[in-house]
Structures are given as C-alpha cells and as structure tokens.
Amino acid sequence: MKRYAPLFALLAVFAVQWALPIGQIQQYQQVVDHGTAYRFRTAPVDPVDPFRGRYVTLQFTAAEITVPVGASYPSDQALYAPISVESDGFAVLQPPRRQPPAGDYLQVRVAHRVDDTRLRVALPFDRYYLNERQAPEAERLAREAMRADTANTLAPSWAVVRVLHGEAVLTELFIEGVPVAQRIAEARQPTESQQ
C-alpha cells in the first residue's frame, strides 16, 4: 500500500485541480440560468489585456451611489448594495450595508467618496469579452451612440447583468438598444457591400 501512496496523492491533487474550475463554472451557470436580469447603464472603454485577450471595459453609472450625509463606509471590507429598478427600467444601487439584505444585492467595495452625498464603489463586473476584432468596433460604436444621444432619451449603451444571491454575471452588452454582436454586423454590412 505504501508503494501506491504517491500515486494516490497525485490523483488527489488532480481531482482538486479539476474540482475548483468545475465548481466555478457551475456557480457561473447557476447565476446565468436562475439569476434576475438587470439593465445597468454603461460607458465603455477598450483596453487590451495581453493575458486575457480583447474585451470592452465598462464603467457603470450605478457605481456612483447617493448616500446619507455623514454616513461612514469603510473601504477595507466588503459591503452589500441592494439593487432597485428606476421607472425607466435601469438598475441603481442603494446605499451599501454591512450585512447582505433581503432581495437582490451586489457585493461592493468603496473606491472613494465623491462628496458628502455620493460614494463611488467597485462593482464585481466591469468587462465584456469579445473576439479580438469586435472589441474595438464595439468601443467605436458605443462612443458614436453616446455622442449622438443629445436628448438623453435612451441610454446609448447598457449591459444586462444577472444577479443571484449576491453573485453577478454580465451576460450581454447593448448599443442603441441592439445586442453588440448584431450592432457590429449591421455596421459592417454597408462597407462589405461596397467592396
């Protein structure tokens, strides 16, 4: 039996290495399948992460939260911000709490205090991954949509985020009310037909 101990130890290491990513994938899929979908207004930027490929980095207006004057929020611990939906259908965050509230919430950390009544928080999602050719195109289309939306009648870009028990998964990015992949395809059609 001692002879097989190293083999059993190696098998145990392999089992743990496979169990962790499988568990994370299952948790991600649970949020996607059963989480509540919320629309969050966005303002995209497009950096390149050489280790992860191309993606659109998103800034969310919901990351700035109105809080009571004089309320204290520690920046070194996780806080829980309840989610509410405004009359226009977009999600906003309520002042963070130290304990998870009933209902949907996001786990956040304080980035900085904007002023006496506003707090900026780091959200658990900020990237929407696309293939290498689509990310810069998505960035360009979103910027054009924001410039064209002078009446502010419709958020030019937003993300759908599914939330379940404080876990969040960004599932889709929209530009001018159209999923980003479809919007990119529509933008390419005229140039492809000219060739």
Protein backbone atom coordinates (compact mmCIF):
# COMPACT_ATOMS: atom_id res chain seq x y z
CA MET A 1 0.00 0.00 0.00
CA LYS A 2 2.87 2.40 0.79
CA ARG A 3 4.05 1.81 -2.72
CA TYR A 4 0.89 3.40 -4.16
CA ALA A 5 0.73 6.35 -1.73
CA PRO A 6 2.47 8.79 -4.15
CA LEU A 7 0.06 7.75 -6.91
CA PHE A 8 -2.97 8.34 -4.66
CA ALA A 9 -1.55 11.73 -3.61
CA LEU A 10 -1.05 12.71 -7.25
CA LEU A 11 -4.59 11.62 -8.11
CA ALA A 12 -5.92 13.70 -5.21
CA VAL A 13 -4.05 16.78 -6.50
CA PHE A 14 -5.50 16.25 -9.98
CA ALA A 15 -9.01 15.88 -8.52
CA VAL A 16 -8.69 19.18 -6.63
CA GLN A 17 -7.31 20.96 -9.72
CA TRP A 18 -10.34 19.87 -11.74
CA ALA A 19 -12.91 20.37 -8.96
CA LEU A 20 -12.18 24.09 -8.45
CA PRO A 21 -12.77 25.26 -12.04
CA ILE A 22 -15.75 22.94 -12.44
CA GLY A 23 -17.27 24.42 -9.28
CA GLN A 24 -16.73 27.96 -10.57
CA ILE A 25 -18.30 27.08 -13.92
CA GLN A 26 -21.32 25.56 -12.18
CA GLN A 27 -21.73 28.65 -9.97
CA TYR A 28 -21.49 30.93 -13.04
CA GLN A 29 -24.09 28.82 -14.86
CA GLN A 30 -26.45 28.91 -11.85
CA VAL A 31 -26.37 32.72 -11.90
CA VAL A 32 -26.96 32.81 -15.67
CA ASP A 33 -29.81 30.28 -15.52
CA HIS A 34 -31.60 31.44 -12.36
CA GLY A 35 -30.42 35.00 -11.65
CA THR A 36 -32.58 38.08 -12.06
CA ALA A 37 -31.65 40.18 -15.11
CA TYR A 38 -30.92 43.88 -14.52
CA ARG A 39 -30.02 46.58 -17.05
CA PHE A 40 -27.11 48.81 -15.96
CA ARG A 41 -26.14 51.96 -17.91
CA THR A 42 -22.59 51.81 -19.20
CA ALA A 43 -19.78 53.95 -20.58
CA PRO A 44 -17.28 51.64 -22.36
CA VAL A 45 -13.55 51.94 -22.84
CA ASP A 46 -11.43 49.43 -24.76
CA PRO A 47 -8.06 48.36 -23.31
CA VAL A 48 -6.05 45.32 -24.27
CA ASP A 49 -5.14 42.73 -21.66
CA PRO A 50 -2.42 40.57 -23.26
CA PHE A 51 -3.16 37.69 -20.91
CA ARG A 52 -6.92 37.58 -21.42
CA GLY A 53 -7.46 38.76 -24.99
CA ARG A 54 -9.68 41.60 -26.14
CA TYR A 55 -12.58 42.92 -24.13
CA VAL A 56 -14.58 46.06 -23.59
CA THR A 57 -14.02 47.54 -20.15
CA LEU A 58 -17.23 49.06 -18.87
CA GLN A 59 -17.83 51.85 -16.44
CA PHE A 60 -21.27 51.86 -14.84
CA THR A 61 -23.26 54.88 -13.72
CA ALA A 62 -24.65 52.68 -10.90
CA ALA A 63 -21.14 52.63 -9.38
CA GLU A 64 -21.85 56.12 -8.01
CA ILE A 65 -24.33 55.78 -5.14
CA THR A 66 -26.23 58.50 -3.33
CA VAL A 67 -25.74 58.04 0.42
CA PRO A 68 -26.94 59.85 3.56
CA VAL A 69 -24.85 62.84 4.63
CA GLY A 70 -22.31 61.88 7.28
CA ALA A 71 -22.71 58.11 6.81
CA SER A 72 -19.46 56.20 7.20
CA TYR A 73 -18.41 53.45 4.76
CA PRO A 74 -15.18 51.50 5.34
CA SER A 75 -13.08 50.94 2.23
CA ASP A 76 -11.33 47.84 3.52
CA GLN A 77 -14.29 45.47 3.76
CA ALA A 78 -16.99 44.01 1.57
CA LEU A 79 -20.30 45.85 1.65
CA TYR A 80 -23.67 44.87 0.21
CA ALA A 81 -25.59 47.29 -2.02
CA PRO A 82 -29.28 46.50 -2.60
CA ILE A 83 -30.46 46.77 -6.21
CA SER A 84 -33.55 48.72 -7.20
CA VAL A 85 -35.02 49.49 -10.60
CA GLU A 86 -35.97 53.03 -11.60
CA SER A 87 -39.08 53.91 -13.63
CA ASP A 88 -37.03 53.85 -16.85
CA GLY A 89 -36.16 50.18 -16.26
CA PHE A 90 -32.49 50.67 -15.36
CA ALA A 91 -30.96 49.33 -12.17
CA VAL A 92 -29.40 51.53 -9.50
CA LEU A 93 -27.72 50.68 -6.23
CA GLN A 94 -28.94 51.77 -2.83
CA PRO A 95 -26.56 52.79 -0.01
CA PRO A 96 -24.37 49.82 0.94
CA ARG A 97 -24.87 47.86 4.14
CA ARG A 98 -22.55 45.76 6.25
CA GLN A 99 -24.83 42.68 6.03
CA PRO A 100 -26.48 41.15 2.94
CA PRO A 101 -30.05 42.49 2.63
CA ALA A 102 -33.16 40.56 1.67
CA GLY A 103 -33.63 40.64 -2.09
CA ASP A 104 -31.03 41.14 -4.79
CA TYR A 105 -27.79 42.94 -3.99
CA LEU A 106 -24.20 43.30 -5.20
CA GLN A 107 -21.12 42.85 -3.08
CA VAL A 108 -19.08 46.05 -3.50
CA ARG A 109 -16.04 47.81 -2.08
CA VAL A 110 -15.70 51.55 -1.61
CA ALA A 111 -13.43 53.13 -4.22
CA HIS A 112 -13.67 56.70 -2.89
CA ARG A 113 -16.02 59.30 -1.51
CA VAL A 114 -17.09 61.73 -4.26
CA ASP A 115 -18.62 64.25 -1.85
CA ASP A 116 -20.87 64.35 1.24
CA THR A 117 -23.75 62.62 -0.55
CA ARG A 118 -22.06 60.43 -3.18
CA LEU A 119 -19.91 57.33 -2.93
CA ARG A 120 -18.10 55.53 -5.75
CA VAL A 121 -17.85 51.75 -5.44
CA ALA A 122 -16.02 48.99 -7.31
CA LEU A 123 -18.54 46.59 -8.87
CA PRO A 124 -17.92 42.84 -9.22
CA PHE A 125 -18.14 43.10 -13.03
CA ASP A 126 -16.54 45.52 -15.47
CA ARG A 127 -15.58 43.61 -18.62
CA TYR A 128 -17.48 42.24 -21.57
CA TYR A 129 -15.33 39.84 -23.59
CA LEU A 130 -15.46 39.83 -27.38
CA ASN A 131 -13.21 38.42 -30.03
CA GLU A 132 -10.15 40.44 -30.98
CA ARG A 133 -11.75 42.15 -33.99
CA GLN A 134 -15.07 43.01 -32.34
CA ALA A 135 -13.89 44.76 -29.15
CA PRO A 136 -12.50 47.91 -30.86
CA GLU A 137 -15.56 48.05 -33.11
CA ALA A 138 -17.91 47.81 -30.10
CA GLU A 139 -15.97 50.62 -28.41
CA ARG A 140 -16.26 52.85 -31.51
CA LEU A 141 -20.00 52.20 -31.94
CA ALA A 142 -20.73 52.91 -28.28
CA ARG A 143 -18.84 56.22 -28.39
CA GLU A 144 -20.68 57.28 -31.54
CA ALA A 145 -24.02 56.37 -29.92
CA MET A 146 -23.19 58.44 -26.83
CA ARG A 147 -22.27 61.47 -28.96
CA ALA A 148 -25.49 61.16 -30.99
CA ASP A 149 -27.74 60.82 -27.94
CA THR A 150 -28.04 64.53 -27.15
CA ALA A 151 -31.64 64.25 -25.90
CA ASN A 152 -30.67 61.55 -23.38
CA THR A 153 -33.94 59.76 -24.13
CA LEU A 154 -32.38 56.31 -24.30
CA ALA A 155 -29.18 55.10 -22.65
CA PRO A 156 -26.92 54.58 -25.68
CA SER A 157 -25.28 51.54 -24.16
CA TRP A 158 -26.12 49.23 -21.30
CA ALA A 159 -25.27 45.79 -20.01
CA VAL A 160 -27.54 43.02 -18.83
CA VAL A 161 -26.25 41.61 -15.57
CA ARG A 162 -27.79 38.55 -13.94
CA VAL A 163 -27.73 38.52 -10.13
CA LEU A 164 -28.35 35.61 -7.77
CA HIS A 165 -27.54 35.67 -4.03
CA GLY A 166 -25.04 38.50 -4.49
CA GLU A 167 -23.22 36.80 -7.38
CA ALA A 168 -23.28 38.74 -10.67
CA VAL A 169 -22.61 37.72 -14.28
CA LEU A 170 -22.52 40.21 -17.16
CA THR A 171 -24.34 38.38 -19.98
CA GLU A 172 -24.94 40.92 -22.76
CA LEU A 173 -23.93 44.37 -23.95
CA PHE A 174 -26.38 46.57 -25.89
CA ILE A 175 -25.62 49.60 -28.06
CA GLU A 176 -28.61 51.76 -29.03
CA GLY A 177 -30.97 49.01 -27.89
CA VAL A 178 -29.36 46.30 -30.04
CA PRO A 179 -27.09 43.46 -28.85
CA VAL A 180 -23.48 44.38 -29.57
CA ALA A 181 -22.80 41.42 -31.93
CA GLN A 182 -25.83 42.34 -34.05
CA ARG A 183 -24.90 46.03 -33.99
CA ILE A 184 -21.37 45.23 -35.21
CA ALA A 185 -22.76 43.03 -38.00
CA GLU A 186 -25.14 45.83 -39.08
CA ALA A 187 -22.32 48.39 -39.09
CA ARG A 188 -20.13 46.15 -41.26
CA GLN A 189 -22.77 45.40 -43.91
CA PRO A 190 -22.54 48.68 -45.85
CA THR A 191 -18.74 48.58 -46.00
CA GLU A 192 -18.71 44.91 -47.07
CA SER A 193 -21.25 45.52 -49.84
CA GLN A 194 -19.17 48.42 -51.22
CA GLN A 195 -16.20 46.11 -51.85
